[in-house]
Amino acid sequence: MVKTEEIRAKDLSTDDFIQQKAKEIAELVGKGFAINALSGGVDSSAVTMLGHKALAKNLKTYFIDNGLMRQGEPESIVSIFKKMGVEVEIINAQDKFFKALKGITGPEEKREAITQAFYKDVFGKLVKQSNAKYLLQGTILTDVDETVAGIKRQHNVFEQLGIDPQEAFGYKIIEPLVQLRKDGVRKVASALGLPEEIYNRMPFPGPALAARIIGEVTPEKINTVRKATSIVEEELKAVKAFQYMAILHQDRVTGMRDNKRDFGLQIEIRCWDSLDARNAKSTRLPYETLEKLASRMTKEVPGVVSATYNIATKPPSTMEAI
């Protein structure tokens, strides 16, 4: 199993780190060609800019539209990077991901289905088409720790589990950020010239909104949690929290509308205070804020009759529901 040595944010020299990693990437790829996937999160954004610094036109960047993202995310992220001189191609793979997720309810099974669809199906074909031999990705140390410890299987962790990506998928994976945690990645992203809206962006899971649906993932459920997510992000944007989210529960709950029973949906809201995602506690939101969130959820998200707020800590909870 691969052992990763941590570089703490307080000990990080961003200029030295960027120069060293850019050199390592260039030497590994040589005269070849690499590709990477941009999701818009700080990890993938930092690795995208680092990769283009190292490889220039020998790196091709894709945004995989898996149908699981927040409202307008693909177009918004591509626009930001275009302004920075990085061309990003959007790949519509929604059908592939929903097909892979059909009928699956277990958290780890869902993560594995997304992993296989992403790396073997979607990226496997892109690698063959582009003749790339390397995939550059933004795995960080917390991803590795949680996967190796068996807390949850992060979709971007392989060699640390003894899985050879070359054998499994047909290409090698380069992980220049794997010694860092989120606070260190933010420092690197800022030093690479990324705008604050990117380097201070909230973490967003690799499985995207699929990580915020308990039970089977369907286009209808994604639409529900997408709307709920928009409300949470609108209402909490001024809150200085590490991360906030909406979770769609599986079980129906009893509610009432127009003096009749409405057997409806339940949304759980989570908001976290944390430094590096290893430990976290629930943000103490004003009660008026919670009331407004609940009111909007039940009025604006079709079918929702209940809204709850999570007050557990990490551990024993985790930030995402699955």
C-alpha atoms as a PDB file:
ATOM      1  CA  MET A   1       0.000   0.000   0.000  1.00  0.00           C
ATOM      2  CA  VAL A   2       1.378   3.426  -0.978  1.00  0.00           C
ATOM      3  CA  LYS A   3       2.375   5.643   1.980  1.00  0.00           C
ATOM      4  CA  THR A   4       1.825   9.375   1.488  1.00  0.00           C
ATOM      5  CA  GLU A   5       3.867  11.930   3.442  1.00  0.00           C
ATOM      6  CA  GLU A   6       1.819  14.962   4.446  1.00  0.00           C
ATOM      7  CA  ILE A   7       2.821  18.566   3.781  1.00  0.00           C
ATOM      8  CA  ARG A   8       0.946  20.716   6.298  1.00  0.00           C
ATOM      9  CA  ALA A   9      -0.449  24.043   5.134  1.00  0.00           C
ATOM     10  CA  LYS A  10       1.611  25.963   7.718  1.00  0.00           C
ATOM     11  CA  ASP A  11       4.819  24.416   6.328  1.00  0.00           C
ATOM     12  CA  LEU A  12       3.882  24.862   2.673  1.00  0.00           C
ATOM     13  CA  SER A  13       5.910  27.099   0.360  1.00  0.00           C
ATOM     14  CA  THR A  14       3.476  27.449  -2.525  1.00  0.00           C
ATOM     15  CA  ASP A  15       6.046  28.698  -5.050  1.00  0.00           C
ATOM     16  CA  ASP A  16       8.423  25.826  -4.335  1.00  0.00           C
ATOM     17  CA  PHE A  17       5.577  23.306  -4.364  1.00  0.00           C
ATOM     18  CA  ILE A  18       4.222  24.544  -7.709  1.00  0.00           C
ATOM     19  CA  GLN A  19       7.651  24.532  -9.353  1.00  0.00           C
ATOM     20  CA  GLN A  20       8.487  21.075  -8.024  1.00  0.00           C
ATOM     21  CA  LYS A  21       5.169  19.496  -9.010  1.00  0.00           C
ATOM     22  CA  ALA A  22       5.131  21.145 -12.445  1.00  0.00           C
ATOM     23  CA  LYS A  23       8.603  19.720 -13.060  1.00  0.00           C
ATOM     24  CA  GLU A  24       7.536  16.254 -11.880  1.00  0.00           C
ATOM     25  CA  ILE A  25       4.459  16.280 -14.137  1.00  0.00           C
ATOM     26  CA  ALA A  26       6.489  17.404 -17.157  1.00  0.00           C
ATOM     27  CA  GLU A  27       9.097  14.693 -16.555  1.00  0.00           C
ATOM     28  CA  LEU A  28       6.492  11.946 -16.118  1.00  0.00           C
ATOM     29  CA  VAL A  29       4.535  12.833 -19.248  1.00  0.00           C
ATOM     30  CA  GLY A  30       7.639  13.658 -21.290  1.00  0.00           C
ATOM     31  CA  LYS A  31       6.762  14.136 -24.950  1.00  0.00           C
ATOM     32  CA  GLY A  32       3.460  12.367 -24.410  1.00  0.00           C
ATOM     33  CA  PHE A  33      -0.030  13.652 -23.797  1.00  0.00           C
ATOM     34  CA  ALA A  34      -2.215  13.866 -20.669  1.00  0.00           C
ATOM     35  CA  ILE A  35      -5.873  14.572 -19.950  1.00  0.00           C
ATOM     36  CA  ASN A  36      -7.733  15.698 -16.864  1.00  0.00           C
ATOM     37  CA  ALA A  37     -11.268  16.218 -15.617  1.00  0.00           C
ATOM     38  CA  LEU A  38     -12.308  19.583 -14.231  1.00  0.00           C
ATOM     39  CA  SER A  39     -15.286  19.637 -11.857  1.00  0.00           C
ATOM     40  CA  GLY A  40     -14.897  23.206 -10.632  1.00  0.00           C
ATOM     41  CA  GLY A  41     -13.958  22.253  -7.084  1.00  0.00           C
ATOM     42  CA  VAL A  42     -10.760  23.659  -5.633  1.00  0.00           C
ATOM     43  CA  ASP A  43      -8.876  20.337  -5.981  1.00  0.00           C
ATOM     44  CA  SER A  44      -9.643  19.748  -9.655  1.00  0.00           C
ATOM     45  CA  SER A  45      -9.217  23.464 -10.435  1.00  0.00           C
ATOM     46  CA  ALA A  46      -5.788  23.596  -8.800  1.00  0.00           C
ATOM     47  CA  VAL A  47      -4.607  20.466 -10.595  1.00  0.00           C
ATOM     48  CA  THR A  48      -5.924  21.833 -13.898  1.00  0.00           C
ATOM     49  CA  MET A  49      -3.893  25.036 -13.597  1.00  0.00           C
ATOM     50  CA  LEU A  50      -0.844  23.135 -12.352  1.00  0.00           C
ATOM     51  CA  GLY A  51      -1.134  20.709 -15.260  1.00  0.00           C
ATOM     52  CA  HIS A  52      -1.415  23.461 -17.842  1.00  0.00           C
ATOM     53  CA  LYS A  53       1.580  25.202 -16.292  1.00  0.00           C
ATOM     54  CA  ALA A  54       3.570  21.976 -16.661  1.00  0.00           C
ATOM     55  CA  LEU A  55       2.295  20.702 -20.010  1.00  0.00           C
ATOM     56  CA  ALA A  56       0.631  23.621 -21.833  1.00  0.00           C
ATOM     57  CA  LYS A  57      -1.013  22.232 -24.983  1.00  0.00           C
ATOM     58  CA  ASN A  58      -0.040  18.668 -24.061  1.00  0.00           C
ATOM     59  CA  LEU A  59      -2.856  18.614 -21.492  1.00  0.00           C
ATOM     60  CA  LYS A  60      -6.459  18.325 -22.608  1.00  0.00           C
ATOM     61  CA  THR A  61      -9.094  19.304 -20.024  1.00  0.00           C
ATOM     62  CA  TYR A  62     -12.648  17.957 -19.976  1.00  0.00           C
ATOM     63  CA  PHE A  63     -15.714  18.729 -17.896  1.00  0.00           C
ATOM     64  CA  ILE A  64     -17.723  15.522 -17.551  1.00  0.00           C
ATOM     65  CA  ASP A  65     -21.410  16.426 -17.383  1.00  0.00           C
ATOM     66  CA  ASN A  66     -22.664  13.429 -15.432  1.00  0.00           C
ATOM     67  CA  GLY A  67     -26.130  14.879 -14.815  1.00  0.00           C
ATOM     68  CA  LEU A  68     -25.368  14.984 -11.101  1.00  0.00           C
ATOM     69  CA  MET A  69     -24.050  18.546 -10.817  1.00  0.00           C
ATOM     70  CA  ARG A  70     -25.579  21.711  -9.406  1.00  0.00           C
ATOM     71  CA  GLN A  71     -27.675  24.025 -11.557  1.00  0.00           C
ATOM     72  CA  GLY A  72     -25.684  25.582 -14.428  1.00  0.00           C
ATOM     73  CA  GLU A  73     -22.376  24.261 -13.109  1.00  0.00           C
ATOM     74  CA  PRO A  74     -20.772  23.000 -16.346  1.00  0.00           C
ATOM     75  CA  GLU A  75     -21.294  26.247 -18.265  1.00  0.00           C
ATOM     76  CA  SER A  76     -20.274  28.429 -15.311  1.00  0.00           C
ATOM     77  CA  ILE A  77     -16.983  26.621 -14.658  1.00  0.00           C
ATOM     78  CA  VAL A  78     -16.033  26.411 -18.330  1.00  0.00           C
ATOM     79  CA  SER A  79     -16.600  30.176 -18.632  1.00  0.00           C
ATOM     80  CA  ILE A  80     -14.326  30.942 -15.663  1.00  0.00           C
ATOM     81  CA  PHE A  81     -11.464  28.882 -17.085  1.00  0.00           C
ATOM     82  CA  LYS A  82     -11.907  30.280 -20.578  1.00  0.00           C
ATOM     83  CA  LYS A  83     -11.223  33.735 -19.127  1.00  0.00           C
ATOM     84  CA  MET A  84      -7.978  32.314 -17.737  1.00  0.00           C
ATOM     85  CA  GLY A  85      -6.927  30.985 -21.129  1.00  0.00           C
ATOM     86  CA  VAL A  86      -7.791  27.334 -20.483  1.00  0.00           C
ATOM     87  CA  GLU A  87     -10.115  25.694 -22.999  1.00  0.00           C
ATOM     88  CA  VAL A  88     -12.387  23.055 -21.484  1.00  0.00           C
ATOM     89  CA  GLU A  89     -14.535  20.635 -23.471  1.00  0.00           C
ATOM     90  CA  ILE A  90     -17.857  19.537 -21.967  1.00  0.00           C
ATOM     91  CA  ILE A  91     -18.639  15.839 -22.396  1.00  0.00           C
ATOM     92  CA  ASN A  92     -22.306  14.906 -22.009  1.00  0.00           C
ATOM     93  CA  ALA A  93     -22.299  11.568 -20.206  1.00  0.00           C
ATOM     94  CA  GLN A  94     -25.568  11.848 -18.286  1.00  0.00           C
ATOM     95  CA  ASP A  95     -27.129   8.708 -19.743  1.00  0.00           C
ATOM     96  CA  LYS A  96     -24.071   6.608 -18.874  1.00  0.00           C
ATOM     97  CA  PHE A  97     -24.091   7.637 -15.216  1.00  0.00           C
ATOM     98  CA  PHE A  98     -27.839   7.231 -14.662  1.00  0.00           C
ATOM     99  CA  LYS A  99     -27.675   3.835 -16.333  1.00  0.00           C
ATOM    100  CA  ALA A 100     -24.781   2.821 -14.063  1.00  0.00           C
ATOM    101  CA  LEU A 101     -26.724   3.953 -10.969  1.00  0.00           C
ATOM    102  CA  LYS A 102     -30.043   2.324 -11.852  1.00  0.00           C
ATOM    103  CA  GLY A 103     -31.362   0.056  -9.119  1.00  0.00           C
ATOM    104  CA  ILE A 104     -28.423   0.676  -6.748  1.00  0.00           C
ATOM    105  CA  THR A 105     -29.193   1.831  -3.194  1.00  0.00           C
ATOM    106  CA  GLY A 106     -26.098   1.049  -1.093  1.00  0.00           C
ATOM    107  CA  PRO A 107     -23.702   3.989  -0.485  1.00  0.00           C
ATOM    108  CA  GLU A 108     -20.513   2.115  -1.374  1.00  0.00           C
ATOM    109  CA  GLU A 109     -22.151   0.415  -4.362  1.00  0.00           C
ATOM    110  CA  LYS A 110     -23.225   3.830  -5.695  1.00  0.00           C
ATOM    111  CA  ARG A 111     -19.718   5.220  -5.285  1.00  0.00           C
ATOM    112  CA  GLU A 112     -18.243   2.197  -7.050  1.00  0.00           C
ATOM    113  CA  ALA A 113     -20.756   2.488  -9.913  1.00  0.00           C
ATOM    114  CA  ILE A 114     -19.794   6.142 -10.409  1.00  0.00           C
ATOM    115  CA  THR A 115     -16.094   5.267 -10.222  1.00  0.00           C
ATOM    116  CA  GLN A 116     -16.389   2.577 -12.890  1.00  0.00           C
ATOM    117  CA  ALA A 117     -18.554   4.730 -15.164  1.00  0.00           C
ATOM    118  CA  PHE A 118     -16.131   7.641 -14.839  1.00  0.00           C
ATOM    119  CA  TYR A 119     -12.773   5.899 -15.173  1.00  0.00           C
ATOM    120  CA  LYS A 120     -13.519   2.861 -17.307  1.00  0.00           C
ATOM    121  CA  ASP A 121     -16.380   3.957 -19.553  1.00  0.00           C
ATOM    122  CA  VAL A 122     -16.188   7.740 -20.018  1.00  0.00           C
ATOM    123  CA  PHE A 123     -12.488   8.407 -19.495  1.00  0.00           C
ATOM    124  CA  GLY A 124     -11.405   5.092 -20.941  1.00  0.00           C
ATOM    125  CA  LYS A 125     -12.880   6.169 -24.275  1.00  0.00           C
ATOM    126  CA  LEU A 126     -11.428   9.684 -24.041  1.00  0.00           C
ATOM    127  CA  VAL A 127      -7.980   8.230 -23.390  1.00  0.00           C
ATOM    128  CA  LYS A 128      -8.197   6.008 -26.465  1.00  0.00           C
ATOM    129  CA  GLN A 129      -9.468   8.852 -28.649  1.00  0.00           C
ATOM    130  CA  SER A 130      -6.747  11.268 -27.521  1.00  0.00           C
ATOM    131  CA  ASN A 131      -3.883   8.753 -27.294  1.00  0.00           C
ATOM    132  CA  ALA A 132      -3.176  10.069 -23.789  1.00  0.00           C
ATOM    133  CA  LYS A 133      -1.241   7.822 -21.446  1.00  0.00           C
ATOM    134  CA  TYR A 134      -1.797   9.823 -18.275  1.00  0.00           C
ATOM    135  CA  LEU A 135      -4.770  11.139 -16.309  1.00  0.00           C
ATOM    136  CA  LEU A 136      -4.003  14.096 -14.065  1.00  0.00           C
ATOM    137  CA  GLN A 137      -6.324  14.305 -11.056  1.00  0.00           C
ATOM    138  CA  GLY A 138      -6.777  16.229  -7.808  1.00  0.00           C
ATOM    139  CA  THR A 139      -6.718  13.486  -5.176  1.00  0.00           C
ATOM    140  CA  ILE A 140      -5.861  14.967  -1.761  1.00  0.00           C
ATOM    141  CA  LEU A 141      -4.660  13.316   1.443  1.00  0.00           C
ATOM    142  CA  THR A 142      -8.070  13.338   3.149  1.00  0.00           C
ATOM    143  CA  ASP A 143      -9.479  11.317   0.214  1.00  0.00           C
ATOM    144  CA  VAL A 144      -6.789   8.722   0.788  1.00  0.00           C
ATOM    145  CA  ASP A 145      -7.177   8.626   4.569  1.00  0.00           C
ATOM    146  CA  GLU A 146     -10.948   8.103   4.475  1.00  0.00           C
ATOM    147  CA  THR A 147     -10.697   5.397   1.811  1.00  0.00           C
ATOM    148  CA  VAL A 148      -7.831   3.442   3.383  1.00  0.00           C
ATOM    149  CA  ALA A 149      -9.523   3.622   6.800  1.00  0.00           C
ATOM    150  CA  GLY A 150     -12.709   2.202   5.284  1.00  0.00           C
ATOM    151  CA  ILE A 151     -14.788   5.251   6.260  1.00  0.00           C
ATOM    152  CA  LYS A 152     -15.973   5.792   2.699  1.00  0.00           C
ATOM    153  CA  ARG A 153     -14.635   4.831  -0.711  1.00  0.00           C
ATOM    154  CA  GLN A 154     -13.517   7.999  -2.482  1.00  0.00           C
ATOM    155  CA  HIS A 155     -13.871   7.601  -6.242  1.00  0.00           C
ATOM    156  CA  ASN A 156     -10.349   8.902  -6.985  1.00  0.00           C
ATOM    157  CA  VAL A 157      -8.232   6.582  -4.805  1.00  0.00           C
ATOM    158  CA  PHE A 158      -6.561   3.541  -6.393  1.00  0.00           C
ATOM    159  CA  GLU A 159      -2.851   2.919  -5.868  1.00  0.00           C
ATOM    160  CA  GLN A 160      -3.225   3.447  -2.125  1.00  0.00           C
ATOM    161  CA  LEU A 161      -5.567   0.426  -2.171  1.00  0.00           C
ATOM    162  CA  GLY A 162      -3.204  -1.649  -4.291  1.00  0.00           C
ATOM    163  CA  ILE A 163      -5.174  -1.035  -7.504  1.00  0.00           C
ATOM    164  CA  ASP A 164      -3.058  -0.409 -10.609  1.00  0.00           C
ATOM    165  CA  PRO A 165      -4.909   2.120 -12.823  1.00  0.00           C
ATOM    166  CA  GLN A 166      -2.821   1.085 -15.818  1.00  0.00           C
ATOM    167  CA  GLU A 167      -4.047  -2.485 -15.469  1.00  0.00           C
ATOM    168  CA  ALA A 168      -7.615  -1.561 -14.470  1.00  0.00           C
ATOM    169  CA  PHE A 169      -8.292   1.274 -16.924  1.00  0.00           C
ATOM    170  CA  GLY A 170      -5.423   1.412 -19.417  1.00  0.00           C
ATOM    171  CA  TYR A 171      -3.687   4.598 -18.282  1.00  0.00           C
ATOM    172  CA  LYS A 172      -1.546   5.939 -15.449  1.00  0.00           C
ATOM    173  CA  ILE A 173      -2.764   8.489 -12.904  1.00  0.00           C
ATOM    174  CA  ILE A 174      -0.719  11.459 -11.654  1.00  0.00           C
ATOM    175  CA  GLU A 175      -1.736  12.957  -8.289  1.00  0.00           C
ATOM    176  CA  PRO A 176       0.348  16.089  -7.583  1.00  0.00           C
ATOM    177  CA  LEU A 177      -1.832  17.283  -4.663  1.00  0.00           C
ATOM    178  CA  VAL A 178      -1.938  14.009  -2.735  1.00  0.00           C
ATOM    179  CA  GLN A 179       0.367  15.292   0.058  1.00  0.00           C
ATOM    180  CA  LEU A 180      -1.992  18.172   0.860  1.00  0.00           C
ATOM    181  CA  ARG A 181      -5.259  18.639   2.700  1.00  0.00           C
ATOM    182  CA  LYS A 182      -7.934  21.158   1.753  1.00  0.00           C
ATOM    183  CA  ASP A 183      -6.332  24.163   3.468  1.00  0.00           C
ATOM    184  CA  GLY A 184      -3.052  23.514   1.665  1.00  0.00           C
ATOM    185  CA  VAL A 185      -4.793  23.087  -1.693  1.00  0.00           C
ATOM    186  CA  ARG A 186      -6.498  26.459  -1.236  1.00  0.00           C
ATOM    187  CA  LYS A 187      -3.100  28.120  -0.762  1.00  0.00           C
ATOM    188  CA  VAL A 188      -1.750  26.462  -3.909  1.00  0.00           C
ATOM    189  CA  ALA A 189      -4.863  27.375  -5.923  1.00  0.00           C
ATOM    190  CA  SER A 190      -4.530  31.024  -4.898  1.00  0.00           C
ATOM    191  CA  ALA A 191      -0.836  31.051  -5.795  1.00  0.00           C
ATOM    192  CA  LEU A 192      -1.703  29.608  -9.229  1.00  0.00           C
ATOM    193  CA  GLY A 193      -3.826  32.698  -9.909  1.00  0.00           C
ATOM    194  CA  LEU A 194      -7.263  31.143  -9.569  1.00  0.00           C
ATOM    195  CA  PRO A 195     -10.015  33.597  -8.515  1.00  0.00           C
ATOM    196  CA  GLU A 196     -11.293  33.595  -4.936  1.00  0.00           C
ATOM    197  CA  GLU A 197     -14.632  32.171  -6.054  1.00  0.00           C
ATOM    198  CA  ILE A 198     -12.660  29.032  -6.943  1.00  0.00           C
ATOM    199  CA  TYR A 199      -9.901  28.788  -4.311  1.00  0.00           C
ATOM    200  CA  ASN A 200     -12.321  29.537  -1.472  1.00  0.00           C
ATOM    201  CA  ARG A 201     -15.100  27.430  -2.924  1.00  0.00           C
ATOM    202  CA  MET A 202     -16.885  24.952  -0.689  1.00  0.00           C
ATOM    203  CA  PRO A 203     -15.876  21.308  -1.067  1.00  0.00           C
ATOM    204  CA  PHE A 204     -18.166  19.342  -3.360  1.00  0.00           C
ATOM    205  CA  PRO A 205     -18.092  15.526  -3.478  1.00  0.00           C
ATOM    206  CA  GLY A 206     -16.752  13.557  -6.430  1.00  0.00           C
ATOM    207  CA  PRO A 207     -20.077  11.677  -6.783  1.00  0.00           C
ATOM    208  CA  ALA A 208     -21.700  15.147  -6.834  1.00  0.00           C
ATOM    209  CA  LEU A 209     -25.391  15.275  -5.890  1.00  0.00           C
ATOM    210  CA  ALA A 210     -25.522  11.472  -5.910  1.00  0.00           C
ATOM    211  CA  ALA A 211     -23.723  11.710  -2.553  1.00  0.00           C
ATOM    212  CA  ARG A 212     -26.708  13.665  -1.249  1.00  0.00           C
ATOM    213  CA  ILE A 213     -29.442  11.175  -2.074  1.00  0.00           C
ATOM    214  CA  ILE A 214     -30.125   8.315   0.324  1.00  0.00           C
ATOM    215  CA  GLY A 215     -31.304   5.352  -1.744  1.00  0.00           C
ATOM    216  CA  GLU A 216     -31.468   4.964  -5.514  1.00  0.00           C
ATOM    217  CA  VAL A 217     -30.341   7.900  -7.657  1.00  0.00           C
ATOM    218  CA  THR A 218     -32.778   8.922 -10.400  1.00  0.00           C
ATOM    219  CA  PRO A 219     -33.089  12.048 -12.587  1.00  0.00           C
ATOM    220  CA  GLU A 220     -36.218  13.019 -10.636  1.00  0.00           C
ATOM    221  CA  LYS A 221     -34.435  12.792  -7.274  1.00  0.00           C
ATOM    222  CA  ILE A 222     -31.474  14.727  -8.652  1.00  0.00           C
ATOM    223  CA  ASN A 223     -33.841  17.510  -9.712  1.00  0.00           C
ATOM    224  CA  THR A 224     -35.279  17.591  -6.177  1.00  0.00           C
ATOM    225  CA  VAL A 225     -31.935  17.743  -4.386  1.00  0.00           C
ATOM    226  CA  ARG A 226     -30.599  20.218  -6.972  1.00  0.00           C
ATOM    227  CA  LYS A 227     -33.409  22.642  -6.156  1.00  0.00           C
ATOM    228  CA  ALA A 228     -32.914  22.105  -2.418  1.00  0.00           C
ATOM    229  CA  THR A 229     -29.169  22.688  -2.862  1.00  0.00           C
ATOM    230  CA  SER A 230     -29.813  26.006  -4.620  1.00  0.00           C
ATOM    231  CA  ILE A 231     -31.959  27.170  -1.685  1.00  0.00           C
ATOM    232  CA  VAL A 232     -29.335  26.165   0.902  1.00  0.00           C
ATOM    233  CA  GLU A 233     -26.560  27.899  -1.027  1.00  0.00           C
ATOM    234  CA  GLU A 234     -28.635  31.070  -1.496  1.00  0.00           C
ATOM    235  CA  GLU A 235     -29.614  31.292   2.168  1.00  0.00           C
ATOM    236  CA  LEU A 236     -26.223  30.398   3.654  1.00  0.00           C
ATOM    237  CA  LYS A 237     -23.858  32.152   1.225  1.00  0.00           C
ATOM    238  CA  ALA A 238     -23.030  34.833   3.826  1.00  0.00           C
ATOM    239  CA  VAL A 239     -22.283  32.214   6.503  1.00  0.00           C
ATOM    240  CA  LYS A 240     -18.578  31.582   6.994  1.00  0.00           C
ATOM    241  CA  ALA A 241     -18.869  27.814   7.092  1.00  0.00           C
ATOM    242  CA  PHE A 242     -16.600  25.125   5.645  1.00  0.00           C
ATOM    243  CA  GLN A 243     -19.447  23.417   3.789  1.00  0.00           C
ATOM    244  CA  TYR A 244     -23.236  23.281   3.623  1.00  0.00           C
ATOM    245  CA  MET A 245     -25.614  21.011   1.758  1.00  0.00           C
ATOM    246  CA  ALA A 246     -29.082  19.500   1.369  1.00  0.00           C
ATOM    247  CA  ILE A 247     -29.695  15.753   1.709  1.00  0.00           C
ATOM    248  CA  LEU A 248     -32.729  13.975   0.239  1.00  0.00           C
ATOM    249  CA  HIS A 249     -33.905  11.119   2.465  1.00  0.00           C
ATOM    250  CA  GLN A 250     -35.284   7.866   1.113  1.00  0.00           C
ATOM    251  CA  ASP A 251     -38.301   7.285   3.333  1.00  0.00           C
ATOM    252  CA  ARG A 252     -41.535   9.181   2.795  1.00  0.00           C
ATOM    253  CA  VAL A 253     -42.867  11.076   5.811  1.00  0.00           C
ATOM    254  CA  THR A 254     -46.380  12.169   6.712  1.00  0.00           C
ATOM    255  CA  GLY A 255     -47.271  15.813   6.167  1.00  0.00           C
ATOM    256  CA  MET A 256     -50.393  17.774   5.370  1.00  0.00           C
ATOM    257  CA  ARG A 257     -51.490  20.307   2.771  1.00  0.00           C
ATOM    258  CA  ASP A 258     -54.971  21.810   2.294  1.00  0.00           C
ATOM    259  CA  ASN A 259     -56.233  19.798   5.289  1.00  0.00           C
ATOM    260  CA  LYS A 260     -55.281  16.547   3.598  1.00  0.00           C
ATOM    261  CA  ARG A 261     -52.472  14.078   4.256  1.00  0.00           C
ATOM    262  CA  ASP A 262     -49.438  14.590   2.025  1.00  0.00           C
ATOM    263  CA  PHE A 263     -47.122  11.596   2.123  1.00  0.00           C
ATOM    264  CA  GLY A 264     -44.029  13.522   1.090  1.00  0.00           C
ATOM    265  CA  LEU A 265     -40.260  13.981   1.047  1.00  0.00           C
ATOM    266  CA  GLN A 266     -37.782  14.962   3.745  1.00  0.00           C
ATOM    267  CA  ILE A 267     -34.756  17.211   3.253  1.00  0.00           C
ATOM    268  CA  GLU A 268     -31.931  17.229   5.783  1.00  0.00           C
ATOM    269  CA  ILE A 269     -29.782  20.363   5.907  1.00  0.00           C
ATOM    270  CA  ARG A 270     -26.149  20.193   7.012  1.00  0.00           C
ATOM    271  CA  CYS A 271     -23.743  23.075   7.673  1.00  0.00           C
ATOM    272  CA  TRP A 272     -20.210  22.430   8.941  1.00  0.00           C
ATOM    273  CA  ASP A 273     -17.393  24.320  10.651  1.00  0.00           C
ATOM    274  CA  SER A 274     -14.014  22.742   9.903  1.00  0.00           C
ATOM    275  CA  LEU A 275     -10.448  23.490   8.877  1.00  0.00           C
ATOM    276  CA  ASP A 276      -9.397  20.470   6.834  1.00  0.00           C
ATOM    277  CA  ALA A 277     -12.454  18.130   6.868  1.00  0.00           C
ATOM    278  CA  ARG A 278     -10.883  15.647   9.292  1.00  0.00           C
ATOM    279  CA  ASN A 279     -13.013  16.943  12.157  1.00  0.00           C
ATOM    280  CA  ALA A 280     -16.090  19.140  11.996  1.00  0.00           C
ATOM    281  CA  LYS A 281     -18.954  20.467  14.063  1.00  0.00           C
ATOM    282  CA  SER A 282     -22.375  21.738  13.133  1.00  0.00           C
ATOM    283  CA  THR A 283     -22.546  25.491  12.546  1.00  0.00           C
ATOM    284  CA  ARG A 284     -24.754  27.244  15.129  1.00  0.00           C
ATOM    285  CA  LEU A 285     -27.120  28.893  12.682  1.00  0.00           C
ATOM    286  CA  PRO A 286     -29.667  31.451  13.944  1.00  0.00           C
ATOM    287  CA  TYR A 287     -33.098  29.926  14.485  1.00  0.00           C
ATOM    288  CA  GLU A 288     -34.597  32.489  12.095  1.00  0.00           C
ATOM    289  CA  THR A 289     -32.272  31.160   9.370  1.00  0.00           C
ATOM    290  CA  LEU A 290     -33.386  27.594  10.032  1.00  0.00           C
ATOM    291  CA  GLU A 291     -37.027  28.661   9.904  1.00  0.00           C
ATOM    292  CA  LYS A 292     -36.509  30.376   6.554  1.00  0.00           C
ATOM    293  CA  LEU A 293     -34.718  27.334   5.138  1.00  0.00           C
ATOM    294  CA  ALA A 294     -37.538  25.042   6.260  1.00  0.00           C
ATOM    295  CA  SER A 295     -40.183  27.375   4.858  1.00  0.00           C
ATOM    296  CA  ARG A 296     -38.522  27.594   1.456  1.00  0.00           C
ATOM    297  CA  MET A 297     -37.895  23.837   1.296  1.00  0.00           C
ATOM    298  CA  THR A 298     -41.536  22.980   1.925  1.00  0.00           C
ATOM    299  CA  LYS A 299     -42.911  25.718  -0.331  1.00  0.00           C
ATOM    300  CA  GLU A 300     -40.478  25.695  -3.263  1.00  0.00           C
ATOM    301  CA  VAL A 301     -39.283  22.094  -3.602  1.00  0.00           C
ATOM    302  CA  PRO A 302     -42.099  19.918  -5.000  1.00  0.00           C
ATOM    303  CA  GLY A 303     -43.143  17.113  -2.696  1.00  0.00           C
ATOM    304  CA  VAL A 304     -41.141  18.201   0.375  1.00  0.00           C
ATOM    305  CA  VAL A 305     -43.106  18.233   3.641  1.00  0.00           C
ATOM    306  CA  SER A 306     -40.276  18.062   6.199  1.00  0.00           C
ATOM    307  CA  ALA A 307     -36.923  19.824   6.715  1.00  0.00           C
ATOM    308  CA  THR A 308     -34.424  18.928   9.449  1.00  0.00           C
ATOM    309  CA  TYR A 309     -31.035  20.282  10.581  1.00  0.00           C
ATOM    310  CA  ASN A 310     -28.159  17.940  11.463  1.00  0.00           C
ATOM    311  CA  ILE A 311     -26.313  18.777  14.714  1.00  0.00           C
ATOM    312  CA  ALA A 312     -23.985  15.762  14.974  1.00  0.00           C
ATOM    313  CA  THR A 313     -20.197  16.188  14.897  1.00  0.00           C
ATOM    314  CA  LYS A 314     -17.582  14.549  12.677  1.00  0.00           C
ATOM    315  CA  PRO A 315     -16.752  11.991  13.977  1.00  0.00           C
ATOM    316  CA  PRO A 316     -18.939   9.975  14.417  1.00  0.00           C
ATOM    317  CA  SER A 317     -20.863  11.577  11.522  1.00  0.00           C
ATOM    318  CA  THR A 318     -19.295  12.331   8.152  1.00  0.00           C
ATOM    319  CA  MET A 319     -19.870  15.514   6.178  1.00  0.00           C
ATOM    320  CA  GLU A 320     -21.696  13.856   3.300  1.00  0.00           C
ATOM    321  CA  ALA A 321     -24.577  11.460   3.914  1.00  0.00           C
ATOM    322  CA  ILE A 322     -23.075   8.614   1.849  1.00  0.00           C
END
